[in-house]
């Protein structure tokens, strides 16, 4: 289904004609179907195409509570000309909202075109769950069996002032009820469900028991985060990790306005981080500041608004700063030696940029860098399929951010006992790079050789961690350090008279014009700009184009 919003602004502000509106709708539907065809596998890429004629497309104004679709137009007798007439006169949109209410049109679309859970899960489960579909739980999820084991994917965490953390998600099989004990992926102990509620829109309706196929809200699952798998089976194969293609690029430091609110702020930040996986919350160990990183200035402003207005914690925030990323230009020419302070332990490293295929697999969630490595052989095969050397892939040790640590050594004595410290040192080095103490990204670190002291007391954390960390830093310096700046894609659509002002504003912000074109009566410009120069851009572009 496709809903085209803000049609009232097209009529009132842009003053488009009926013919121009129909042309724009046709173009939007074509673009939408093109995306569906490219993203979805066959035969879904054809089955899920939308059309104005069959009622899978509606348009209207969510702000003014009206909508219209082709079937509703036939049923109600409302025409395009009527919509223009209602939007053009004062108070007309209120009348239109009574004759063609938004909720009725969208609900009718959902009832008519969205498949029921029993049919939907036969298509959905093979895509989001990579376990054995012939297993007991696999068949139960495919059939949406309310009598089977519980299988639920948490997609949202909200904070209720009375109930605390509420885990919301689709129940794919089984039934949940108050007092039931459930396992959360990655957590060893079961947790008890305190309350069960059915989600109806934004409302939670308390019930005694909820069956498969519904969206359920549970309290009591303290360790659940967005993306968690919840089940009555202790070691159930988890659902596919929710992928976030964008990484945090803007950071703000925040603190409680009143010191008495500090414990509450810490709890609120913990909950917000669980609810929004695209938000990164951490504490700066040097300054004690709470650092909040997000997708952009607006993302952080919305989060601040929620902290103040929904959670009741007054905060003070710093101006936004950009998150940079460190990497390397190429491979270092020779192995770099990292030596422990006592000179008894030595590690030899090579570093190089990570293969593009592996990077893409990590970004898309095909390779889950957060999960514990359970099957090294299967992971090595997946890395090799993505373009990594198969012999190197067999030595996979771990991930940190979008970086990989590989063990390329042969028969080093005592290395197995020390590998956990090596991994810890690698993670530390990837968190704070050697150039500007920024996070490192897109790096392949290869441990080529090591010489370790036979006595355990001489290869403890105080010796191994600095040796490995400094060895990786040195190899990065040899390879040529890079500091990567985040870029933002900007698309602007304005009347031709304001095109010059929009282009000048992009040039002032170190932007690069990628494409200029025409969209009906409007001119369009596509550009790339550094995030560091985009603060306040929304208000500036509104001023430069008089809100057009």
Protein backbone atom coordinates (compact mmCIF):
# COMPACT_ATOMS: atom_id res chain seq x y z
CA UNK A 1 0.00 0.00 0.00
CA UNK A 2 1.10 3.57 -0.68
CA UNK A 3 -0.25 6.72 0.97
CA UNK A 4 0.72 10.05 -0.62
CA UNK A 5 0.59 12.72 2.09
CA UNK A 6 0.44 16.55 2.16
CA UNK A 7 -1.70 16.81 -0.96
CA UNK A 8 -3.39 19.89 0.55
CA UNK A 9 -0.06 21.76 0.33
CA UNK A 10 0.27 20.87 -3.36
CA UNK A 11 -3.10 22.50 -3.99
CA UNK A 12 -2.91 25.49 -1.62
CA UNK A 13 0.81 26.41 -1.67
CA UNK A 14 2.12 25.07 -4.98
CA UNK A 15 -1.21 25.74 -6.75
CA UNK A 16 -0.93 22.74 -9.05
CA UNK A 17 -3.68 21.99 -11.56
CA UNK A 18 -5.69 18.77 -11.61
CA UNK A 19 -3.69 17.53 -14.60
CA UNK A 20 -0.37 18.32 -12.89
CA UNK A 21 -1.47 16.47 -9.75
CA UNK A 22 -2.51 13.35 -11.69
CA UNK A 23 0.82 13.42 -13.53
CA UNK A 24 2.77 13.73 -10.27
CA UNK A 25 0.82 10.87 -8.65
CA UNK A 26 1.49 8.64 -11.68
CA UNK A 27 5.21 9.45 -11.47
CA UNK A 28 5.33 8.73 -7.72
CA UNK A 29 3.55 5.39 -8.17
CA UNK A 30 5.96 4.43 -10.97
CA UNK A 31 9.00 5.33 -8.81
CA UNK A 32 7.56 3.40 -5.85
CA UNK A 33 6.91 0.30 -7.98
CA UNK A 34 10.42 0.56 -9.41
CA UNK A 35 11.86 0.42 -5.88
CA UNK A 36 9.65 -2.57 -5.03
CA UNK A 37 10.81 -4.37 -8.19
CA UNK A 38 14.49 -3.76 -7.33
CA UNK A 39 14.35 -4.59 -3.63
CA UNK A 40 12.03 -7.60 -3.38
CA UNK A 41 12.76 -11.08 -4.77
CA UNK A 42 10.53 -12.70 -7.38
CA UNK A 43 7.57 -13.27 -7.38
CA UNK A 44 6.89 -10.68 -4.61
CA UNK A 45 8.40 -7.88 -6.68
CA UNK A 46 5.47 -8.24 -9.10
CA UNK A 47 2.74 -9.23 -6.63
CA UNK A 48 3.40 -6.20 -4.40
CA UNK A 49 3.16 -3.58 -7.14
CA UNK A 50 0.64 -0.83 -6.29
CA UNK A 51 -1.92 0.86 -8.50
CA UNK A 52 -4.28 3.80 -8.17
CA UNK A 53 -7.01 1.86 -9.98
CA UNK A 54 -7.09 -1.19 -7.65
CA UNK A 55 -7.12 0.89 -4.45
CA UNK A 56 -3.61 0.12 -3.20
CA UNK A 57 -2.80 3.85 -3.46
CA UNK A 58 -4.49 6.60 -1.47
CA UNK A 59 -3.67 10.27 -1.05
CA UNK A 60 -4.69 13.02 1.32
CA UNK A 61 -3.65 15.14 4.29
CA UNK A 62 -2.80 13.42 7.58
CA UNK A 63 -2.67 16.82 9.27
CA UNK A 64 -6.23 17.70 8.18
CA UNK A 65 -7.56 14.12 8.61
CA UNK A 66 -8.84 13.44 5.10
CA UNK A 67 -7.90 10.90 2.45
CA UNK A 68 -9.24 9.55 -0.81
CA UNK A 69 -8.70 6.47 -2.98
CA UNK A 70 -10.15 5.30 -6.31
CA UNK A 71 -12.67 2.85 -4.72
CA UNK A 72 -13.75 5.47 -2.17
CA UNK A 73 -14.21 8.06 -4.92
CA UNK A 74 -16.60 5.70 -6.73
CA UNK A 75 -18.43 4.90 -3.50
CA UNK A 76 -18.75 8.49 -2.24
CA UNK A 77 -19.02 10.33 -5.54
CA UNK A 78 -16.18 12.71 -4.59
CA UNK A 79 -14.11 13.77 -7.62
CA UNK A 80 -10.72 15.44 -8.11
CA UNK A 81 -12.53 18.70 -8.82
CA UNK A 82 -14.35 18.42 -5.49
CA UNK A 83 -11.05 17.96 -3.64
CA UNK A 84 -9.63 21.12 -5.26
CA UNK A 85 -12.78 23.00 -4.36
CA UNK A 86 -12.72 21.87 -0.71
CA UNK A 87 -9.00 22.68 -0.29
CA UNK A 88 -9.34 26.10 -1.91
CA UNK A 89 -11.94 27.55 0.43
CA UNK A 90 -11.67 28.32 4.14
CA UNK A 91 -13.00 25.51 6.31
CA UNK A 92 -13.35 23.23 3.29
CA UNK A 93 -10.85 20.64 4.53
CA UNK A 94 -12.86 20.16 7.74
CA UNK A 95 -15.91 19.35 5.62
CA UNK A 96 -13.82 16.98 3.49
CA UNK A 97 -12.56 15.24 6.65
CA UNK A 98 -16.20 14.46 7.55
CA UNK A 99 -17.12 13.18 4.08
CA UNK A 100 -13.88 11.29 3.44
CA UNK A 101 -12.21 10.59 6.81
CA UNK A 102 -8.59 9.47 6.76
CA UNK A 103 -9.10 6.52 9.10
CA UNK A 104 -11.89 4.97 7.02
CA UNK A 105 -9.97 5.13 3.74
CA UNK A 106 -6.70 3.76 5.16
CA UNK A 107 -8.47 1.06 7.22
CA UNK A 108 -10.39 -0.09 4.14
CA UNK A 109 -7.09 -0.32 2.23
CA UNK A 110 -5.56 -2.42 5.02
CA UNK A 111 -8.54 -4.79 5.27
CA UNK A 112 -8.73 -5.29 1.51
CA UNK A 113 -5.06 -5.59 0.57
CA UNK A 114 -2.89 -6.57 3.57
CA UNK A 115 -2.71 -10.38 3.99
CA UNK A 116 -3.80 -11.95 7.26
CA UNK A 117 -1.07 -13.29 9.60
CA UNK A 118 -1.59 -16.94 8.62
CA UNK A 119 -0.95 -16.21 4.94
CA UNK A 120 1.67 -13.52 5.59
CA UNK A 121 3.90 -15.67 7.79
CA UNK A 122 4.32 -18.31 5.09
CA UNK A 123 6.13 -15.60 3.11
CA UNK A 124 7.64 -13.63 5.97
CA UNK A 125 9.21 -16.32 8.17
CA UNK A 126 11.65 -17.74 5.55
CA UNK A 127 12.91 -14.19 5.03
CA UNK A 128 13.42 -13.03 8.63
CA UNK A 129 14.32 -16.37 10.28
CA UNK A 130 17.30 -18.43 9.09
CA UNK A 131 16.61 -21.52 11.21
CA UNK A 132 15.34 -24.93 10.06
CA UNK A 133 11.85 -24.44 8.61
CA UNK A 134 11.21 -28.19 8.94
CA UNK A 135 11.83 -28.08 12.71
CA UNK A 136 8.95 -28.02 15.18
CA UNK A 137 9.21 -24.26 15.87
CA UNK A 138 9.74 -23.57 12.15
CA UNK A 139 6.47 -25.28 11.21
CA UNK A 140 4.63 -23.60 14.10
CA UNK A 141 5.71 -20.14 12.92
CA UNK A 142 4.87 -20.89 9.27
CA UNK A 143 1.37 -21.95 10.36
CA UNK A 144 0.95 -19.16 12.96
CA UNK A 145 0.13 -21.90 15.49
CA UNK A 146 -1.34 -20.49 18.75
CA UNK A 147 -0.69 -23.83 20.52
CA UNK A 148 3.01 -24.01 19.66
CA UNK A 149 6.10 -22.68 21.43
CA UNK A 150 6.23 -18.91 21.86
CA UNK A 151 8.24 -17.10 19.18
CA UNK A 152 8.17 -13.31 19.21
CA UNK A 153 10.34 -10.58 17.73
CA UNK A 154 10.57 -7.34 19.73
CA UNK A 155 10.48 -4.38 17.35
CA UNK A 156 9.95 -1.53 19.81
CA UNK A 157 10.61 -0.63 23.46
CA UNK A 158 8.58 2.16 25.05
CA UNK A 159 8.78 3.66 28.53
CA UNK A 160 5.50 3.78 30.45
CA UNK A 161 5.48 6.00 33.56
CA UNK A 162 3.51 3.35 35.47
CA UNK A 163 4.41 0.01 33.88
CA UNK A 164 8.07 0.77 33.11
CA UNK A 165 9.64 -0.76 30.01
CA UNK A 166 7.15 -2.26 27.55
CA UNK A 167 8.38 -4.67 24.86
CA UNK A 168 6.23 -4.58 21.72
CA UNK A 169 6.44 -7.03 18.85
CA UNK A 170 4.76 -9.55 16.59
CA UNK A 171 3.89 -12.93 18.13
CA UNK A 172 4.63 -15.48 15.38
CA UNK A 173 3.63 -18.64 17.24
CA UNK A 174 2.32 -19.76 20.61
CA UNK A 175 0.33 -17.78 23.18
CA UNK A 176 1.60 -15.54 25.99
CA UNK A 177 -0.06 -14.88 29.33
CA UNK A 178 0.75 -13.19 32.62
CA UNK A 179 3.23 -15.10 34.79
CA UNK A 180 4.78 -16.99 31.88
CA UNK A 181 8.59 -17.34 31.81
CA UNK A 182 10.30 -16.52 28.52
CA UNK A 183 13.89 -16.50 27.26
CA UNK A 184 15.42 -13.48 25.52
CA UNK A 185 18.11 -14.03 22.88
CA UNK A 186 21.58 -13.56 24.33
CA UNK A 187 20.38 -13.72 27.94
CA UNK A 188 21.01 -16.89 30.05
CA UNK A 189 18.11 -16.57 32.52
CA UNK A 190 14.37 -16.66 31.80
CA UNK A 191 12.23 -13.64 32.72
CA UNK A 192 8.64 -13.55 33.93
CA UNK A 193 5.89 -11.73 32.04
CA UNK A 194 4.16 -9.26 34.36
CA UNK A 195 1.38 -7.94 32.09
CA UNK A 196 0.03 -8.74 28.61
CA UNK A 197 -1.66 -6.21 26.35
CA UNK A 198 -2.89 -6.15 22.76
CA UNK A 199 -1.68 -3.27 20.60
CA UNK A 200 -4.49 -1.52 18.73
CA UNK A 201 -2.86 1.43 17.00
CA UNK A 202 -1.09 3.41 19.72
CA UNK A 203 -3.35 2.00 22.46
CA UNK A 204 -2.55 -0.93 24.75
CA UNK A 205 -5.56 -3.02 25.74
CA UNK A 206 -4.83 -5.28 28.76
CA UNK A 207 -5.81 -8.92 28.17
CA UNK A 208 -5.23 -12.23 29.95
CA UNK A 209 -3.76 -14.08 26.97
CA UNK A 210 -2.60 -13.20 23.46
CA UNK A 211 -2.39 -15.66 20.57
CA UNK A 212 -0.06 -15.86 17.57
CA UNK A 213 -0.65 -13.38 14.76
CA UNK A 214 -1.17 -10.36 17.00
CA UNK A 215 1.07 -7.45 17.98
CA UNK A 216 1.54 -7.84 21.71
CA UNK A 217 2.95 -5.60 24.46
CA UNK A 218 4.68 -7.30 27.40
CA UNK A 219 6.15 -5.93 30.61
CA UNK A 220 8.70 -7.71 32.78
CA UNK A 221 11.22 -8.39 30.00
CA UNK A 222 13.91 -6.08 31.35
CA UNK A 223 16.70 -7.33 29.09
CA UNK A 224 14.76 -7.07 25.82
CA UNK A 225 15.86 -4.54 23.21
CA UNK A 226 14.53 -3.71 19.76
CA UNK A 227 15.42 -6.75 17.65
CA UNK A 228 15.41 -9.30 20.51
CA UNK A 229 13.96 -12.78 19.99
CA UNK A 230 11.63 -13.91 22.80
CA UNK A 231 10.69 -17.57 23.17
CA UNK A 232 9.85 -20.44 25.50
CA UNK A 233 12.81 -22.23 23.88
CA UNK A 234 16.07 -21.39 25.64
CA UNK A 235 18.43 -21.49 22.66
CA UNK A 236 16.05 -20.70 19.81
CA UNK A 237 17.68 -19.53 16.59
CA UNK A 238 17.14 -15.73 16.75
CA UNK A 239 15.33 -13.72 14.11
CA UNK A 240 17.45 -11.79 11.64
CA UNK A 241 18.95 -8.65 13.15
CA UNK A 242 17.22 -5.40 12.21
CA UNK A 243 19.63 -3.60 9.89
CA UNK A 244 20.29 0.13 10.11
CA UNK A 245 22.06 1.34 7.00
CA UNK A 246 22.92 4.74 8.46
CA UNK A 247 25.44 5.17 11.25
CA UNK A 248 25.39 7.90 13.92
CA UNK A 249 27.06 11.00 12.49
CA UNK A 250 26.24 13.75 15.03
CA UNK A 251 26.96 13.80 18.78
CA UNK A 252 25.75 15.95 21.67
CA UNK A 253 26.85 15.93 25.29
CA UNK A 254 23.90 16.10 27.69
CA UNK A 255 23.58 16.44 31.44
CA UNK A 256 20.79 16.82 33.94
CA UNK A 257 19.86 20.44 34.70
CA UNK A 258 19.32 19.49 38.35
CA UNK A 259 21.82 17.07 39.90
CA UNK A 260 19.02 15.27 41.76
CA UNK A 261 17.70 14.11 38.35
CA UNK A 262 21.00 12.44 37.36
CA UNK A 263 19.95 8.86 38.35
CA UNK A 264 16.69 9.30 36.47
CA UNK A 265 18.52 10.65 33.40
CA UNK A 266 20.84 7.61 33.38
CA UNK A 267 17.81 5.29 33.48
CA UNK A 268 15.99 7.25 30.76
CA UNK A 269 19.05 7.17 28.48
CA UNK A 270 19.40 3.42 29.01
CA UNK A 271 15.78 2.89 28.00
CA UNK A 272 15.99 5.22 24.99
CA UNK A 273 19.10 3.38 23.74
CA UNK A 274 17.18 0.09 23.95
CA UNK A 275 14.16 1.56 22.17
CA UNK A 276 16.12 3.20 19.33
CA UNK A 277 19.02 1.05 18.04
CA UNK A 278 20.08 3.84 15.65
CA UNK A 279 20.90 6.00 18.70
CA UNK A 280 24.25 5.49 20.45
CA UNK A 281 24.59 6.39 24.14
CA UNK A 282 27.95 6.27 25.93
CA UNK A 283 29.79 7.91 28.81
CA UNK A 284 33.02 9.78 28.15
CA UNK A 285 35.39 8.29 30.74
CA UNK A 286 37.61 11.38 30.68
CA UNK A 287 34.90 14.03 31.24
CA UNK A 288 32.03 11.98 32.70
CA UNK A 289 29.67 13.44 30.06
CA UNK A 290 26.79 11.45 28.61
CA UNK A 291 27.33 11.44 24.85
CA UNK A 292 24.32 10.92 22.59
CA UNK A 293 24.98 10.17 18.90
CA UNK A 294 22.31 10.02 16.22
CA UNK A 295 21.51 10.18 12.50
CA UNK A 296 21.43 13.97 12.44
CA UNK A 297 20.52 17.18 14.19
CA UNK A 298 16.76 16.55 13.96
CA UNK A 299 17.12 13.01 15.33
CA UNK A 300 18.87 14.33 18.46
CA UNK A 301 16.39 17.21 18.86
CA UNK A 302 13.48 14.76 18.85
CA UNK A 303 15.25 12.58 21.43
CA UNK A 304 15.89 15.60 23.65
CA UNK A 305 12.21 16.57 23.35
CA UNK A 306 11.19 13.07 24.49
CA UNK A 307 13.56 13.18 27.47
CA UNK A 308 12.18 16.53 28.64
CA UNK A 309 8.48 16.25 27.76
CA UNK A 310 7.78 12.53 28.01
CA UNK A 311 10.15 11.55 30.81
CA UNK A 312 10.10 14.84 32.75
CA UNK A 313 13.88 15.28 33.04
CA UNK A 314 15.21 18.79 32.43
CA UNK A 315 18.52 18.61 30.55
CA UNK A 316 21.28 20.87 29.24
CA UNK A 317 22.88 19.90 25.91
CA UNK A 318 26.03 21.00 24.10
CA UNK A 319 26.12 22.21 20.49
CA UNK A 320 26.23 19.28 18.03
CA UNK A 321 29.57 17.96 16.84
CA UNK A 322 30.29 15.64 13.92
CA UNK A 323 31.33 12.00 14.36
CA UNK A 324 34.36 11.30 12.16
CA UNK A 325 35.79 7.87 11.39
CA UNK A 326 39.35 6.68 11.04
CA UNK A 327 40.58 4.20 8.46
CA UNK A 328 43.64 3.43 6.32
CA UNK A 329 44.59 4.22 2.71
CA UNK A 330 45.93 0.74 1.94
CA UNK A 331 47.89 -2.16 3.44
CA UNK A 332 51.01 -1.61 5.53
CA UNK A 333 54.15 -2.78 3.65
CA UNK A 334 55.52 -5.05 6.37
CA UNK A 335 54.46 -6.60 9.66
CA UNK A 336 54.52 -4.11 12.53
CA UNK A 337 55.77 -5.30 15.90
CA UNK A 338 53.91 -4.49 19.11
CA UNK A 339 55.99 -5.10 22.22
CA UNK A 340 54.77 -5.49 25.81
CA UNK A 341 56.16 -3.11 28.49
CA UNK A 342 58.24 -5.94 29.99
CA UNK A 343 59.67 -6.75 26.49
CA UNK A 344 58.77 -10.46 26.91
CA UNK A 345 55.78 -10.56 24.50
CA UNK A 346 55.67 -9.50 20.87
CA UNK A 347 52.82 -9.36 18.32
CA UNK A 348 53.12 -8.76 14.57
CA UNK A 349 50.27 -7.15 12.62
CA UNK A 350 49.19 -6.34 9.08
CA UNK A 351 46.20 -4.07 8.41
CA UNK A 352 44.30 -3.23 5.24
CA UNK A 353 40.87 -1.92 4.17
CA UNK A 354 38.08 -4.46 4.61
CA UNK A 355 36.62 -5.92 1.40
CA UNK A 356 33.63 -3.97 0.04
CA UNK A 357 31.49 -7.13 -0.07
CA UNK A 358 32.12 -7.85 3.61
CA UNK A 359 31.36 -4.24 4.53
CA UNK A 360 28.05 -4.42 2.66
CA UNK A 361 27.14 -7.73 4.33
CA UNK A 362 27.80 -6.20 7.76
CA UNK A 363 25.75 -3.07 6.96
CA UNK A 364 22.81 -5.09 5.62
CA UNK A 365 22.79 -7.41 8.65
CA UNK A 366 23.70 -10.51 6.62
CA UNK A 367 26.74 -10.82 8.91
CA UNK A 368 25.72 -10.08 12.50
CA UNK A 369 28.73 -8.46 14.18
CA UNK A 370 26.89 -8.23 17.51
CA UNK A 371 26.20 -11.96 17.87
CA UNK A 372 28.61 -14.41 19.45
CA UNK A 373 30.45 -16.55 16.88
CA UNK A 374 28.82 -20.00 17.27
CA UNK A 375 29.84 -21.61 13.98
CA UNK A 376 33.27 -20.32 12.80
CA UNK A 377 33.23 -22.54 9.69
CA UNK A 378 29.88 -21.21 8.47
CA UNK A 379 30.97 -17.63 9.19
CA UNK A 380 34.28 -18.18 7.35
CA UNK A 381 32.37 -19.47 4.31
CA UNK A 382 30.09 -16.42 4.38
CA UNK A 383 33.11 -14.08 4.59
CA UNK A 384 34.76 -15.90 1.68
CA UNK A 385 31.55 -15.62 -0.36
CA UNK A 386 31.66 -11.86 0.26
CA UNK A 387 35.16 -11.57 -1.21
CA UNK A 388 37.59 -12.31 1.64
CA UNK A 389 40.49 -14.67 1.09
CA UNK A 390 39.21 -18.12 2.22
CA UNK A 391 42.42 -18.93 4.13
CA UNK A 392 42.22 -15.62 6.00
CA UNK A 393 38.50 -16.07 6.70
CA UNK A 394 39.18 -19.34 8.55
CA UNK A 395 41.04 -17.34 11.21
CA UNK A 396 38.09 -15.11 12.18
CA UNK A 397 38.37 -14.07 15.83
CA UNK A 398 35.83 -11.28 16.19
CA UNK A 399 34.31 -7.99 15.10
CA UNK A 400 34.20 -4.48 16.48
CA UNK A 401 32.08 -1.84 14.75
CA UNK A 402 32.72 -2.62 11.05
CA UNK A 403 36.20 -4.05 11.64
CA UNK A 404 37.44 -7.64 11.59
CA UNK A 405 40.20 -9.36 13.58
CA UNK A 406 41.83 -12.41 11.94
CA UNK A 407 44.27 -14.91 13.40
CA UNK A 408 46.74 -15.78 10.62
CA UNK A 409 49.34 -17.39 12.91
CA UNK A 410 50.48 -21.02 12.79
CA UNK A 411 51.03 -23.04 15.96
CA UNK A 412 51.95 -20.25 18.42
CA UNK A 413 52.36 -21.62 21.93
CA UNK A 414 50.18 -20.04 24.66
CA UNK A 415 48.28 -17.90 22.09
CA UNK A 416 44.98 -19.64 22.77
CA UNK A 417 45.25 -18.67 26.46
CA UNK A 418 45.96 -15.05 25.48
CA UNK A 419 43.43 -14.66 22.62
CA UNK A 420 40.70 -13.13 24.80
CA UNK A 421 43.09 -10.33 25.81
CA UNK A 422 44.08 -9.88 22.14
CA UNK A 423 40.42 -9.51 21.22
CA UNK A 424 39.86 -7.03 24.06
CA UNK A 425 42.85 -4.96 22.90
CA UNK A 426 41.56 -5.01 19.29
CA UNK A 427 38.17 -3.70 20.46
CA UNK A 428 39.86 -0.92 22.41
CA UNK A 429 41.95 0.10 19.39
CA UNK A 430 38.87 0.15 17.13
CA UNK A 431 36.97 2.35 19.61
CA UNK A 432 39.69 5.05 19.71
CA UNK A 433 41.93 5.30 16.65
CA UNK A 434 45.54 6.57 16.56
CA UNK A 435 44.88 9.75 14.56
CA UNK A 436 42.10 11.63 16.39
CA UNK A 437 40.78 9.15 18.99
CA UNK A 438 37.73 8.59 16.76
CA UNK A 439 36.16 5.21 16.03
CA UNK A 440 37.84 3.10 13.36
CA UNK A 441 35.77 1.66 10.50
CA UNK A 442 36.25 -0.68 7.55
CA UNK A 443 39.53 -2.22 8.76
CA UNK A 444 40.88 -5.76 8.50
CA UNK A 445 43.43 -6.51 11.23
CA UNK A 446 45.58 -9.63 10.73
CA UNK A 447 47.65 -11.10 13.54
CA UNK A 448 50.54 -12.67 11.60
CA UNK A 449 52.87 -13.89 14.36
CA UNK A 450 53.44 -13.71 18.12
CA UNK A 451 56.14 -14.50 20.66
CA UNK A 452 54.82 -15.10 24.19
CA UNK A 453 56.53 -15.65 27.53
CA UNK A 454 56.03 -19.12 28.96
CA UNK A 455 55.18 -17.78 32.42
CA UNK A 456 51.53 -16.64 32.78
CA UNK A 457 52.44 -13.86 35.20
CA UNK A 458 54.49 -12.17 32.46
CA UNK A 459 51.65 -12.13 29.92
CA UNK A 460 48.79 -10.61 31.92
CA UNK A 461 46.45 -7.79 30.80
CA UNK A 462 48.95 -5.05 31.72
CA UNK A 463 51.42 -6.57 29.24
CA UNK A 464 49.23 -7.92 26.42
CA UNK A 465 46.72 -5.06 26.00
CA UNK A 466 49.24 -2.25 25.31
CA UNK A 467 51.34 -4.54 23.11
CA UNK A 468 48.41 -5.46 20.86
CA UNK A 469 46.87 -1.98 20.84
CA UNK A 470 50.15 -0.28 19.97
CA UNK A 471 50.91 -2.93 17.36
CA UNK A 472 47.61 -2.21 15.59
CA UNK A 473 48.16 1.55 15.86
CA UNK A 474 51.65 1.22 14.39
CA UNK A 475 50.41 -0.89 11.49
CA UNK A 476 47.71 1.70 10.76
CA UNK A 477 50.32 4.48 10.73
CA UNK A 478 52.44 2.48 8.29
CA UNK A 479 49.41 1.89 6.04
CA UNK A 480 48.56 5.60 5.94
CA UNK A 481 45.87 6.92 8.27
CA UNK A 482 42.67 8.45 6.92
CA UNK A 483 40.07 10.61 8.65
CA UNK A 484 36.67 10.13 6.98
CA UNK A 485 34.04 12.86 7.10
CA UNK A 486 30.32 11.94 7.02
CA UNK A 487 28.39 13.25 4.01
CA UNK A 488 24.68 13.90 3.68
CA UNK A 489 22.63 13.49 0.53
CA UNK A 490 20.39 16.51 -0.05
CA UNK A 491 17.40 16.64 -2.41
CA UNK A 492 15.61 19.97 -2.87
CA UNK A 493 12.46 20.66 -4.89
CA UNK A 494 11.61 24.37 -5.35
CA UNK A 495 9.84 26.67 -7.81
CA UNK A 496 12.24 27.75 -10.61
CA UNK A 497 12.42 31.32 -9.24
CA UNK A 498 14.14 30.06 -6.07
CA UNK A 499 16.52 27.60 -7.71
CA UNK A 500 19.45 30.03 -7.63
CA UNK A 501 19.03 30.69 -3.92
CA UNK A 502 18.95 26.94 -3.18
CA UNK A 503 22.10 26.26 -5.24
CA UNK A 504 23.95 29.18 -3.60
CA UNK A 505 23.09 27.81 -0.18
CA UNK A 506 24.48 24.37 -1.10
CA UNK A 507 27.70 25.94 -2.45
CA UNK A 508 28.12 27.93 0.78
CA UNK A 509 28.10 24.65 2.70
CA UNK A 510 30.85 22.92 0.69
CA UNK A 511 28.23 20.96 -1.22
CA UNK A 512 28.70 19.14 -4.52
CA UNK A 513 25.85 19.34 -7.04
CA UNK A 514 25.16 15.85 -8.38
CA UNK A 515 22.14 16.46 -10.59
CA UNK A 516 19.67 19.18 -11.52
CA UNK A 517 16.31 18.50 -13.13
CA UNK A 518 12.63 19.27 -13.46
CA UNK A 519 9.71 17.71 -11.54
CA UNK A 520 6.52 19.06 -13.04
CA UNK A 521 6.45 22.79 -12.34
CA UNK A 522 9.28 22.54 -9.80
CA UNK A 523 13.03 22.51 -10.28
CA UNK A 524 15.02 19.87 -8.41
CA UNK A 525 18.61 19.63 -7.25
CA UNK A 526 20.44 16.63 -5.82
CA UNK A 527 23.66 17.25 -3.90
CA UNK A 528 26.11 15.91 -1.33
CA UNK A 529 27.17 18.10 1.61
CA UNK A 530 29.42 17.51 4.63
CA UNK A 531 27.33 16.91 7.76
CA UNK A 532 29.54 19.39 9.63
CA UNK A 533 28.22 22.20 7.42
CA UNK A 534 24.55 21.16 7.52
CA UNK A 535 23.65 22.38 11.01
CA UNK A 536 20.76 24.85 10.72
CA UNK A 537 20.27 24.07 7.02
CA UNK A 538 16.50 23.44 7.32
CA UNK A 539 15.77 26.94 8.65
CA UNK A 540 18.21 28.54 6.18
CA UNK A 541 16.63 26.86 3.14
CA UNK A 542 13.16 27.87 4.32
CA UNK A 543 14.35 31.47 4.60
CA UNK A 544 16.12 31.46 1.25
CA UNK A 545 13.06 30.05 -0.58
CA UNK A 546 10.36 31.77 1.53
CA UNK A 547 9.11 28.37 2.67
CA UNK A 548 8.49 27.14 -0.88
